[in-house]
């Protein structure tokens, strides 16, 4: 079955829509390892993981001001058993 150009565009939109939202943080690099970069934003330190797929444009060093773009991705989801909703013990009248 051949896909029409319109179907291909719709499929591409569905795949693209499934990606996680991109965020960014800007500030000086306070620490750097092969696996993480730590950026100071105000008084907060943001430690963000990185891997071989992380693109770096420029000479990345501690002290340099950077803008890091990142996504929040779930690595594990544990489903908990459902509790008893809406069952409160009756209050005693005095």
N, C-alpha and C. Protein backbone atom coordinates (compact mmCIF):
# COMPACT_ATOMS: atom_id res chain seq x y z
N UNK A 1 0.85 -1.18 0.00
CA UNK A 1 0.00 0.00 0.00
C UNK A 1 0.89 1.24 0.00
N UNK A 2 0.70 2.11 -0.96
CA UNK A 2 1.49 3.33 -1.07
C UNK A 2 0.84 4.44 -0.25
N UNK A 3 1.70 5.22 0.41
CA UNK A 3 1.19 6.34 1.19
C UNK A 3 1.16 7.58 0.32
N UNK A 4 0.11 8.35 0.42
CA UNK A 4 0.01 9.60 -0.32
C UNK A 4 0.88 10.64 0.37
N UNK A 5 1.27 11.69 -0.37
CA UNK A 5 2.07 12.75 0.28
C UNK A 5 1.39 13.33 1.51
N UNK A 6 0.06 13.48 1.47
CA UNK A 6 -0.66 14.01 2.63
C UNK A 6 -0.55 13.07 3.82
N UNK A 7 -0.63 11.76 3.57
CA UNK A 7 -0.50 10.78 4.65
C UNK A 7 0.91 10.82 5.23
N UNK A 8 1.91 11.01 4.38
CA UNK A 8 3.28 11.10 4.88
C UNK A 8 3.47 12.32 5.76
N UNK A 9 2.89 13.44 5.37
CA UNK A 9 2.98 14.66 6.18
C UNK A 9 2.27 14.46 7.52
N UNK A 10 1.11 13.83 7.50
CA UNK A 10 0.37 13.57 8.74
C UNK A 10 1.16 12.64 9.64
N UNK A 11 1.75 11.60 9.07
CA UNK A 11 2.55 10.66 9.85
C UNK A 11 3.77 11.36 10.45
N UNK A 12 4.42 12.22 9.68
CA UNK A 12 5.57 12.96 10.20
C UNK A 12 5.15 13.86 11.36
N UNK A 13 3.97 14.46 11.26
CA UNK A 13 3.47 15.30 12.34
C UNK A 13 3.20 14.52 13.60
N UNK A 14 2.69 13.30 13.47
CA UNK A 14 2.44 12.46 14.63
C UNK A 14 3.75 12.08 15.30
N UNK A 15 4.73 11.67 14.50
CA UNK A 15 6.03 11.28 15.06
C UNK A 15 6.69 12.48 15.71
N UNK A 16 6.65 13.63 15.06
CA UNK A 16 7.26 14.83 15.62
C UNK A 16 6.55 15.26 16.90
N UNK A 17 5.23 15.14 16.94
CA UNK A 17 4.46 15.54 18.10
C UNK A 17 4.73 14.67 19.31
N UNK A 18 5.26 13.48 19.10
CA UNK A 18 5.52 12.57 20.21
C UNK A 18 6.80 12.90 20.95
N UNK A 19 7.62 13.80 20.42
CA UNK A 19 8.86 14.15 21.08
C UNK A 19 8.60 15.01 22.30
N UNK A 20 9.49 14.88 23.29
CA UNK A 20 9.37 15.67 24.51
C UNK A 20 9.68 17.13 24.22
N UNK A 21 9.08 18.00 25.01
CA UNK A 21 9.31 19.44 24.89
C UNK A 21 10.77 19.76 25.21
N UNK A 22 11.32 20.75 24.53
CA UNK A 22 12.70 21.17 24.76
C UNK A 22 12.72 22.38 25.69
N UNK A 23 13.62 22.37 26.66
CA UNK A 23 13.81 23.47 27.61
C UNK A 23 15.24 23.97 27.47
N UNK A 24 15.57 25.09 28.11
CA UNK A 24 16.95 25.56 28.09
C UNK A 24 17.29 26.25 29.40
N UNK A 25 18.58 26.22 29.70
CA UNK A 25 19.11 26.92 30.86
C UNK A 25 20.41 27.60 30.42
N UNK A 26 20.63 28.84 30.88
CA UNK A 26 21.81 29.61 30.50
C UNK A 26 22.55 30.05 31.75
N UNK A 27 23.87 29.95 31.70
CA UNK A 27 24.71 30.40 32.81
C UNK A 27 26.11 29.87 32.66
N UNK A 28 26.97 30.19 33.63
CA UNK A 28 28.35 29.70 33.57
C UNK A 28 28.44 28.22 33.95
N UNK A 29 29.37 27.53 33.32
CA UNK A 29 29.63 26.12 33.64
C UNK A 29 30.43 26.09 34.94
N UNK A 30 29.93 25.35 35.94
CA UNK A 30 30.64 25.23 37.21
C UNK A 30 31.36 23.90 37.36
N UNK A 31 30.91 22.88 36.62
CA UNK A 31 31.56 21.56 36.65
C UNK A 31 31.26 20.85 35.34
N UNK A 32 32.20 19.97 34.95
CA UNK A 32 32.09 19.30 33.67
C UNK A 32 32.73 17.94 33.75
N UNK A 33 31.99 16.89 33.37
CA UNK A 33 32.55 15.54 33.26
C UNK A 33 32.14 14.99 31.89
N UNK A 34 32.56 13.77 31.60
CA UNK A 34 32.15 13.14 30.35
C UNK A 34 30.65 12.87 30.32
N UNK A 35 30.03 12.76 31.51
CA UNK A 35 28.62 12.39 31.61
C UNK A 35 27.69 13.53 32.02
N UNK A 36 28.22 14.62 32.57
CA UNK A 36 27.37 15.70 33.07
C UNK A 36 27.97 17.07 32.79
N UNK A 37 27.10 18.07 32.79
CA UNK A 37 27.50 19.47 32.79
C UNK A 37 26.68 20.14 33.88
N UNK A 38 27.33 20.98 34.68
CA UNK A 38 26.63 21.71 35.74
C UNK A 38 26.69 23.19 35.40
N UNK A 39 25.50 23.81 35.37
CA UNK A 39 25.37 25.21 35.00
C UNK A 39 24.73 25.95 36.18
N UNK A 40 25.27 27.14 36.49
CA UNK A 40 24.70 27.94 37.57
C UNK A 40 23.69 28.91 36.97
N UNK A 41 22.46 28.84 37.49
CA UNK A 41 21.42 29.78 37.09
C UNK A 41 20.95 30.47 38.35
N UNK A 42 21.34 31.71 38.52
CA UNK A 42 21.05 32.42 39.76
C UNK A 42 21.81 31.74 40.89
N UNK A 43 21.09 31.36 41.95
CA UNK A 43 21.73 30.67 43.08
C UNK A 43 21.68 29.15 42.92
N UNK A 44 20.95 28.68 41.90
CA UNK A 44 20.76 27.24 41.71
C UNK A 44 21.81 26.64 40.78
N UNK A 45 22.19 25.38 41.07
CA UNK A 45 23.07 24.62 40.19
C UNK A 45 22.22 23.59 39.45
N UNK A 46 22.34 23.56 38.15
CA UNK A 46 21.60 22.62 37.30
C UNK A 46 22.58 21.59 36.78
N UNK A 47 22.46 20.34 37.24
CA UNK A 47 23.30 19.26 36.73
C UNK A 47 22.50 18.51 35.68
N UNK A 48 23.02 18.49 34.46
CA UNK A 48 22.31 17.89 33.33
C UNK A 48 23.19 16.81 32.73
N UNK A 49 22.60 15.63 32.52
CA UNK A 49 23.33 14.52 31.93
C UNK A 49 23.62 14.77 30.46
N UNK A 50 24.71 14.18 29.97
CA UNK A 50 25.04 14.26 28.55
C UNK A 50 25.67 12.94 28.12
N UNK A 51 25.61 12.67 26.82
CA UNK A 51 26.18 11.43 26.30
C UNK A 51 26.83 11.69 24.95
N UNK A 52 27.16 10.64 24.24
CA UNK A 52 27.83 10.78 22.95
C UNK A 52 26.99 11.50 21.91
N UNK A 53 25.68 11.54 22.10
CA UNK A 53 24.81 12.23 21.16
C UNK A 53 24.65 13.71 21.43
N UNK A 54 25.24 14.20 22.53
CA UNK A 54 25.13 15.62 22.87
C UNK A 54 26.01 16.44 21.95
N UNK A 55 25.42 17.40 21.27
CA UNK A 55 26.18 18.27 20.36
C UNK A 55 26.76 19.43 21.15
N UNK A 56 28.03 19.72 20.92
CA UNK A 56 28.70 20.84 21.59
C UNK A 56 29.26 21.75 20.51
N UNK A 57 28.85 23.02 20.51
CA UNK A 57 29.36 24.00 19.56
C UNK A 57 30.26 24.96 20.32
N UNK A 58 31.56 24.87 20.09
CA UNK A 58 32.52 25.74 20.77
C UNK A 58 33.40 24.97 21.72
N UNK A 59 34.26 25.72 22.43
CA UNK A 59 35.22 25.14 23.37
C UNK A 59 34.59 25.09 24.75
N UNK A 60 34.08 23.93 25.13
CA UNK A 60 33.36 23.77 26.39
C UNK A 60 34.34 23.62 27.55
N UNK A 61 34.30 24.58 28.49
CA UNK A 61 35.18 24.56 29.66
C UNK A 61 34.45 25.13 30.87
N UNK A 62 34.93 24.80 32.05
CA UNK A 62 34.42 25.39 33.28
C UNK A 62 34.66 26.89 33.21
N UNK A 63 33.64 27.67 33.58
CA UNK A 63 33.73 29.12 33.58
C UNK A 63 33.10 29.77 32.35
N UNK A 64 32.96 29.02 31.26
CA UNK A 64 32.35 29.56 30.04
C UNK A 64 30.84 29.70 30.23
N UNK A 65 30.26 30.75 29.66
CA UNK A 65 28.81 30.91 29.68
C UNK A 65 28.23 30.07 28.55
N UNK A 66 27.22 29.28 28.87
CA UNK A 66 26.62 28.38 27.88
C UNK A 66 25.10 28.46 27.95
N UNK A 67 24.47 28.01 26.90
CA UNK A 67 23.04 27.75 26.90
C UNK A 67 22.88 26.27 26.60
N UNK A 68 22.27 25.54 27.52
CA UNK A 68 22.06 24.10 27.36
C UNK A 68 20.59 23.87 27.02
N UNK A 69 20.35 23.17 25.94
CA UNK A 69 18.99 22.77 25.59
C UNK A 69 18.83 21.31 25.99
N UNK A 70 17.72 21.00 26.67
CA UNK A 70 17.54 19.65 27.20
C UNK A 70 16.08 19.26 27.14
N UNK A 71 15.84 17.96 27.30
CA UNK A 71 14.48 17.41 27.38
C UNK A 71 14.35 16.62 28.66
N UNK A 72 13.16 16.58 29.20
CA UNK A 72 12.88 15.75 30.37
C UNK A 72 12.27 14.45 29.84
N UNK A 73 12.98 13.35 30.01
CA UNK A 73 12.56 12.06 29.48
C UNK A 73 12.46 11.05 30.63
N UNK A 74 11.37 10.34 30.70
CA UNK A 74 11.20 9.30 31.72
C UNK A 74 12.15 8.14 31.42
N UNK A 75 12.82 7.63 32.44
CA UNK A 75 13.68 6.47 32.28
C UNK A 75 13.05 5.22 32.85
N UNK A 76 12.06 5.39 33.72
CA UNK A 76 11.33 4.26 34.29
C UNK A 76 10.00 4.76 34.83
N UNK A 77 8.97 3.95 34.67
CA UNK A 77 7.66 4.28 35.21
C UNK A 77 7.16 3.07 35.97
N UNK A 78 6.87 3.25 37.26
CA UNK A 78 6.32 2.18 38.10
C UNK A 78 4.86 2.50 38.38
N UNK A 79 3.97 1.64 37.93
CA UNK A 79 2.54 1.83 38.17
C UNK A 79 2.20 1.28 39.54
N UNK A 80 1.56 2.10 40.35
CA UNK A 80 1.19 1.72 41.72
C UNK A 80 -0.24 1.20 41.73
N UNK A 81 -0.55 0.28 42.64
CA UNK A 81 -1.92 -0.23 42.71
C UNK A 81 -2.89 0.89 43.09
N UNK A 82 -4.08 0.80 42.54
CA UNK A 82 -5.09 1.83 42.81
C UNK A 82 -5.53 1.75 44.26
N UNK A 83 -5.66 2.89 44.89
CA UNK A 83 -6.14 2.95 46.28
C UNK A 83 -7.65 3.08 46.29
N UNK A 84 -8.19 3.18 47.46
CA UNK A 84 -9.64 3.36 47.58
C UNK A 84 -9.92 4.84 47.52
N UNK A 85 -10.49 5.27 46.42
CA UNK A 85 -10.77 6.70 46.22
C UNK A 85 -12.07 7.09 46.89
N UNK A 86 -12.08 8.25 47.48
CA UNK A 86 -13.31 8.83 48.00
C UNK A 86 -13.90 8.13 49.20
N UNK A 87 -13.17 7.26 49.84
CA UNK A 87 -13.71 6.59 51.03
C UNK A 87 -13.07 7.21 52.26
N UNK A 88 -13.83 8.07 52.88
CA UNK A 88 -13.35 8.69 54.12
C UNK A 88 -14.13 8.08 55.27
N UNK A 89 -13.46 7.93 56.37
CA UNK A 89 -14.18 7.41 57.53
C UNK A 89 -15.13 8.50 58.02
N UNK A 90 -16.34 8.13 58.38
CA UNK A 90 -17.31 9.15 58.82
C UNK A 90 -16.81 9.83 60.08
N UNK A 91 -17.01 11.14 60.11
CA UNK A 91 -16.58 11.88 61.30
C UNK A 91 -17.59 11.66 62.42
N UNK A 92 -17.07 11.60 63.61
CA UNK A 92 -17.94 11.39 64.78
C UNK A 92 -18.46 12.75 65.24
N UNK A 93 -19.76 12.82 65.48
CA UNK A 93 -20.35 14.05 65.99
C UNK A 93 -20.25 14.05 67.50
N UNK A 94 -19.94 15.20 68.02
CA UNK A 94 -19.79 15.32 69.47
C UNK A 94 -20.98 15.96 70.08
